[in-house]
Amino acid sequence: MSVIFRGQPIPDYAKSKHDKVKYVLTRYRDSEPISNGEFIYELNFSRFGSSIHNLRQEGWDIVTLPSKKQGLCFYYLRSLPTDVEKEVQLRLVPND
């Protein structure tokens, strides 16, 4: 039985709950941030914070956004360790 998140099935290759957290963070990276309620109720993963912590340890830049509503917060993926940042490199040019 497939797990449905935001109306879309999560692929079968995301078998563990940790894999599902990784999948939804990358899949919905450019969408609305994911609430803690979505992790708990849609993924049935009340201890998702351990996955967030482990991913951060692996270099994932995951932002936590607080809410005005007590107990509610949102998460979004800012960058993966494999993302390449554009570096500006200055080059010295002789002054003729």
N, C-alpha and C. Protein backbone atom coordinates (compact mmCIF):
# COMPACT_ATOMS: atom_id res chain seq x y z
N MET A 1 0.84 -1.18 0.00
CA MET A 1 0.00 0.00 0.00
C MET A 1 0.89 1.25 0.00
N SER A 2 0.63 2.12 -0.93
CA SER A 2 1.42 3.35 -1.06
C SER A 2 1.00 4.36 -0.01
N VAL A 3 1.98 5.13 0.42
CA VAL A 3 1.72 6.25 1.32
C VAL A 3 1.43 7.46 0.45
N ILE A 4 0.41 8.21 0.83
CA ILE A 4 0.02 9.40 0.08
C ILE A 4 0.45 10.62 0.88
N PHE A 5 1.13 11.55 0.21
CA PHE A 5 1.55 12.79 0.84
C PHE A 5 1.14 13.94 -0.06
N ARG A 6 0.38 14.84 0.49
CA ARG A 6 -0.16 15.98 -0.28
C ARG A 6 -0.86 15.52 -1.56
N GLY A 7 -1.59 14.43 -1.43
CA GLY A 7 -2.38 13.92 -2.55
C GLY A 7 -1.60 13.12 -3.58
N GLN A 8 -0.30 12.95 -3.38
CA GLN A 8 0.55 12.22 -4.33
C GLN A 8 1.16 10.99 -3.65
N PRO A 9 1.23 9.87 -4.37
CA PRO A 9 1.85 8.68 -3.76
C PRO A 9 3.36 8.85 -3.64
N ILE A 10 3.90 8.32 -2.58
CA ILE A 10 5.35 8.31 -2.39
C ILE A 10 5.86 7.03 -3.06
N PRO A 11 6.91 7.12 -3.88
CA PRO A 11 7.42 5.93 -4.58
C PRO A 11 7.81 4.81 -3.62
N ASP A 12 7.67 3.60 -4.10
CA ASP A 12 7.95 2.42 -3.28
C ASP A 12 9.41 2.31 -2.87
N TYR A 13 10.33 2.95 -3.60
CA TYR A 13 11.74 2.85 -3.21
C TYR A 13 12.01 3.58 -1.90
N ALA A 14 11.14 4.48 -1.48
CA ALA A 14 11.28 5.14 -0.19
C ALA A 14 10.60 4.25 0.84
N LYS A 15 11.31 3.24 1.31
CA LYS A 15 10.71 2.23 2.17
C LYS A 15 10.67 2.63 3.64
N SER A 16 11.77 3.12 4.17
CA SER A 16 11.80 3.47 5.59
C SER A 16 11.18 4.85 5.81
N LYS A 17 10.83 5.13 7.05
CA LYS A 17 10.27 6.44 7.36
C LYS A 17 11.31 7.53 7.09
N HIS A 18 12.58 7.24 7.37
CA HIS A 18 13.66 8.20 7.10
C HIS A 18 13.74 8.49 5.60
N ASP A 19 13.63 7.46 4.78
CA ASP A 19 13.63 7.65 3.32
C ASP A 19 12.46 8.51 2.86
N LYS A 20 11.32 8.33 3.51
CA LYS A 20 10.14 9.12 3.16
C LYS A 20 10.35 10.60 3.50
N VAL A 21 10.99 10.87 4.65
CA VAL A 21 11.29 12.26 5.01
C VAL A 21 12.23 12.86 3.97
N LYS A 22 13.26 12.12 3.57
CA LYS A 22 14.19 12.60 2.54
C LYS A 22 13.44 12.88 1.24
N TYR A 23 12.56 11.97 0.86
CA TYR A 23 11.82 12.12 -0.38
C TYR A 23 10.95 13.38 -0.36
N VAL A 24 10.14 13.56 0.70
CA VAL A 24 9.23 14.70 0.70
C VAL A 24 9.98 16.02 0.80
N LEU A 25 11.10 16.05 1.52
CA LEU A 25 11.88 17.29 1.60
C LEU A 25 12.44 17.68 0.24
N THR A 26 12.92 16.69 -0.52
CA THR A 26 13.46 17.01 -1.85
C THR A 26 12.34 17.24 -2.86
N ARG A 27 11.28 16.44 -2.81
CA ARG A 27 10.18 16.55 -3.77
C ARG A 27 9.46 17.89 -3.65
N TYR A 28 9.26 18.35 -2.42
CA TYR A 28 8.50 19.58 -2.18
C TYR A 28 9.42 20.74 -1.81
N ARG A 29 10.63 20.67 -2.25
CA ARG A 29 11.65 21.68 -1.96
C ARG A 29 11.23 23.07 -2.42
N ASP A 30 10.60 23.16 -3.57
CA ASP A 30 10.20 24.45 -4.14
C ASP A 30 8.71 24.74 -3.94
N SER A 31 8.08 24.00 -3.04
CA SER A 31 6.66 24.20 -2.73
C SER A 31 6.53 24.83 -1.36
N GLU A 32 5.33 24.76 -0.83
CA GLU A 32 5.09 25.24 0.52
C GLU A 32 5.91 24.43 1.51
N PRO A 33 6.43 25.07 2.57
CA PRO A 33 7.14 24.31 3.60
C PRO A 33 6.26 23.21 4.19
N ILE A 34 6.89 22.19 4.70
CA ILE A 34 6.18 21.02 5.24
C ILE A 34 5.99 21.22 6.75
N SER A 35 4.78 21.03 7.21
CA SER A 35 4.49 21.23 8.63
C SER A 35 4.82 19.97 9.42
N ASN A 36 5.05 20.16 10.71
CA ASN A 36 5.28 19.01 11.57
C ASN A 36 4.05 18.10 11.58
N GLY A 37 2.86 18.68 11.44
CA GLY A 37 1.64 17.88 11.37
C GLY A 37 1.61 16.96 10.15
N GLU A 38 2.14 17.44 9.02
CA GLU A 38 2.17 16.59 7.82
C GLU A 38 3.10 15.40 8.04
N PHE A 39 4.24 15.65 8.67
CA PHE A 39 5.15 14.52 8.96
C PHE A 39 4.46 13.52 9.89
N ILE A 40 3.75 14.03 10.89
CA ILE A 40 3.14 13.15 11.88
C ILE A 40 1.93 12.42 11.31
N TYR A 41 1.02 13.14 10.67
CA TYR A 41 -0.25 12.54 10.27
C TYR A 41 -0.24 11.91 8.88
N GLU A 42 0.47 12.53 7.94
CA GLU A 42 0.48 11.95 6.58
C GLU A 42 1.53 10.85 6.44
N LEU A 43 2.70 11.04 7.07
CA LEU A 43 3.74 10.01 7.01
C LEU A 43 3.67 9.06 8.19
N ASN A 44 2.80 9.36 9.16
CA ASN A 44 2.67 8.55 10.36
C ASN A 44 4.02 8.39 11.06
N PHE A 45 4.72 9.51 11.22
CA PHE A 45 6.08 9.49 11.76
C PHE A 45 6.20 10.56 12.84
N SER A 46 5.89 10.18 14.08
CA SER A 46 5.90 11.14 15.18
C SER A 46 7.31 11.52 15.61
N ARG A 47 8.29 10.70 15.30
CA ARG A 47 9.67 11.00 15.69
C ARG A 47 10.51 11.45 14.48
N PHE A 48 9.88 12.21 13.60
CA PHE A 48 10.56 12.68 12.38
C PHE A 48 11.74 13.59 12.71
N GLY A 49 11.75 14.20 13.90
CA GLY A 49 12.83 15.10 14.29
C GLY A 49 14.18 14.41 14.28
N SER A 50 14.20 13.11 14.56
CA SER A 50 15.47 12.37 14.51
C SER A 50 15.99 12.30 13.07
N SER A 51 15.10 12.15 12.11
CA SER A 51 15.52 12.14 10.70
C SER A 51 16.03 13.51 10.29
N ILE A 52 15.33 14.56 10.71
CA ILE A 52 15.76 15.93 10.39
C ILE A 52 17.16 16.15 10.97
N HIS A 53 17.36 15.75 12.21
CA HIS A 53 18.67 15.91 12.88
C HIS A 53 19.76 15.16 12.11
N ASN A 54 19.49 13.90 11.76
CA ASN A 54 20.48 13.09 11.04
C ASN A 54 20.80 13.68 9.67
N LEU A 55 19.80 14.17 8.98
CA LEU A 55 20.03 14.78 7.66
C LEU A 55 20.88 16.04 7.80
N ARG A 56 20.62 16.81 8.82
CA ARG A 56 21.45 18.00 9.05
C ARG A 56 22.89 17.60 9.33
N GLN A 57 23.09 16.53 10.05
CA GLN A 57 24.44 16.04 10.32
C GLN A 57 25.14 15.61 9.03
N GLU A 58 24.35 15.16 8.05
CA GLU A 58 24.89 14.74 6.76
C GLU A 58 25.11 15.92 5.80
N GLY A 59 24.80 17.13 6.25
CA GLY A 59 25.03 18.30 5.42
C GLY A 59 23.81 18.89 4.74
N TRP A 60 22.63 18.34 5.01
CA TRP A 60 21.41 18.90 4.45
C TRP A 60 21.11 20.20 5.19
N ASP A 61 20.82 21.26 4.47
CA ASP A 61 20.47 22.53 5.08
C ASP A 61 18.94 22.61 5.13
N ILE A 62 18.40 22.26 6.28
CA ILE A 62 16.95 22.23 6.49
C ILE A 62 16.60 23.37 7.44
N VAL A 63 15.70 24.22 6.99
CA VAL A 63 15.30 25.38 7.77
C VAL A 63 14.02 25.06 8.53
N THR A 64 13.99 25.46 9.80
CA THR A 64 12.79 25.33 10.62
C THR A 64 12.16 26.71 10.78
N LEU A 65 10.90 26.81 10.42
CA LEU A 65 10.17 28.07 10.54
C LEU A 65 9.13 27.94 11.66
N PRO A 66 9.22 28.79 12.67
CA PRO A 66 8.21 28.74 13.72
C PRO A 66 6.89 29.31 13.21
N SER A 67 5.83 28.97 13.90
CA SER A 67 4.51 29.48 13.56
C SER A 67 3.97 30.27 14.75
N LYS A 68 3.00 31.13 14.50
CA LYS A 68 2.36 31.84 15.59
C LYS A 68 1.52 30.89 16.44
N LYS A 69 1.11 29.79 15.82
CA LYS A 69 0.30 28.80 16.50
C LYS A 69 1.21 27.90 17.33
N GLN A 70 0.93 27.76 18.61
CA GLN A 70 1.78 26.98 19.50
C GLN A 70 1.84 25.52 19.05
N GLY A 71 3.06 25.00 19.01
CA GLY A 71 3.26 23.60 18.66
C GLY A 71 3.34 23.32 17.17
N LEU A 72 3.19 24.34 16.36
CA LEU A 72 3.24 24.16 14.90
C LEU A 72 4.50 24.81 14.35
N CYS A 73 5.20 24.08 13.51
CA CYS A 73 6.34 24.65 12.81
C CYS A 73 6.42 24.03 11.42
N PHE A 74 7.23 24.63 10.59
CA PHE A 74 7.36 24.22 9.20
C PHE A 74 8.83 23.98 8.88
N TYR A 75 9.06 23.11 7.90
CA TYR A 75 10.41 22.77 7.48
C TYR A 75 10.51 22.88 5.97
N TYR A 76 11.66 23.35 5.52
CA TYR A 76 11.92 23.29 4.09
C TYR A 76 13.42 23.06 3.86
N LEU A 77 13.69 22.44 2.75
CA LEU A 77 15.07 22.12 2.37
C LEU A 77 15.65 23.29 1.59
N ARG A 78 16.70 23.87 2.14
CA ARG A 78 17.38 24.98 1.46
C ARG A 78 18.42 24.43 0.49
N SER A 79 19.22 23.46 0.95
CA SER A 79 20.23 22.89 0.04
C SER A 79 20.64 21.50 0.49
N LEU A 80 21.12 20.75 -0.48
CA LEU A 80 21.68 19.41 -0.25
C LEU A 80 23.20 19.50 -0.26
N PRO A 81 23.87 18.52 0.34
CA PRO A 81 25.33 18.56 0.29
C PRO A 81 25.88 18.44 -1.13
N THR A 82 25.07 17.91 -2.04
CA THR A 82 25.53 17.75 -3.43
C THR A 82 25.29 18.99 -4.28
N ASP A 83 24.54 19.95 -3.74
CA ASP A 83 24.32 21.20 -4.48
C ASP A 83 25.64 21.94 -4.61
N VAL A 84 25.87 22.48 -5.77
CA VAL A 84 27.10 23.22 -6.03
C VAL A 84 26.76 24.70 -6.00
N GLU A 85 27.40 25.40 -5.11
CA GLU A 85 27.19 26.84 -5.06
C GLU A 85 28.07 27.51 -6.10
N LYS A 86 27.53 28.53 -6.71
CA LYS A 86 28.32 29.28 -7.67
C LYS A 86 29.29 30.16 -6.90
N GLU A 87 30.54 29.98 -7.18
CA GLU A 87 31.56 30.77 -6.51
C GLU A 87 32.07 31.84 -7.47
N VAL A 88 32.18 33.01 -6.96
CA VAL A 88 32.73 34.10 -7.75
C VAL A 88 34.23 34.11 -7.49
N GLN A 89 34.97 33.99 -8.55
CA GLN A 89 36.42 33.99 -8.42
C GLN A 89 36.97 35.22 -9.12
N LEU A 90 37.71 36.00 -8.37
CA LEU A 90 38.32 37.20 -8.95
C LEU A 90 39.67 36.83 -9.55
N ARG A 91 39.97 37.44 -10.66
CA ARG A 91 41.22 37.18 -11.34
C ARG A 91 41.99 38.48 -11.45
N LEU A 92 43.24 38.42 -11.07
CA LEU A 92 44.09 39.61 -11.17
C LEU A 92 44.50 39.85 -12.62
N VAL A 93 44.34 41.06 -13.05
CA VAL A 93 44.68 41.43 -14.43
C VAL A 93 45.79 42.47 -14.37
N PRO A 94 46.84 42.30 -15.17
CA PRO A 94 47.92 43.29 -15.13
C PRO A 94 47.42 44.66 -15.55
N ASN A 95 47.94 45.66 -14.90
CA ASN A 95 47.57 47.04 -15.19
C ASN A 95 48.60 47.60 -16.17
N ASP A 96 48.26 47.67 -17.43
CA ASP A 96 49.21 48.14 -18.46
C ASP A 96 49.10 49.60 -18.70
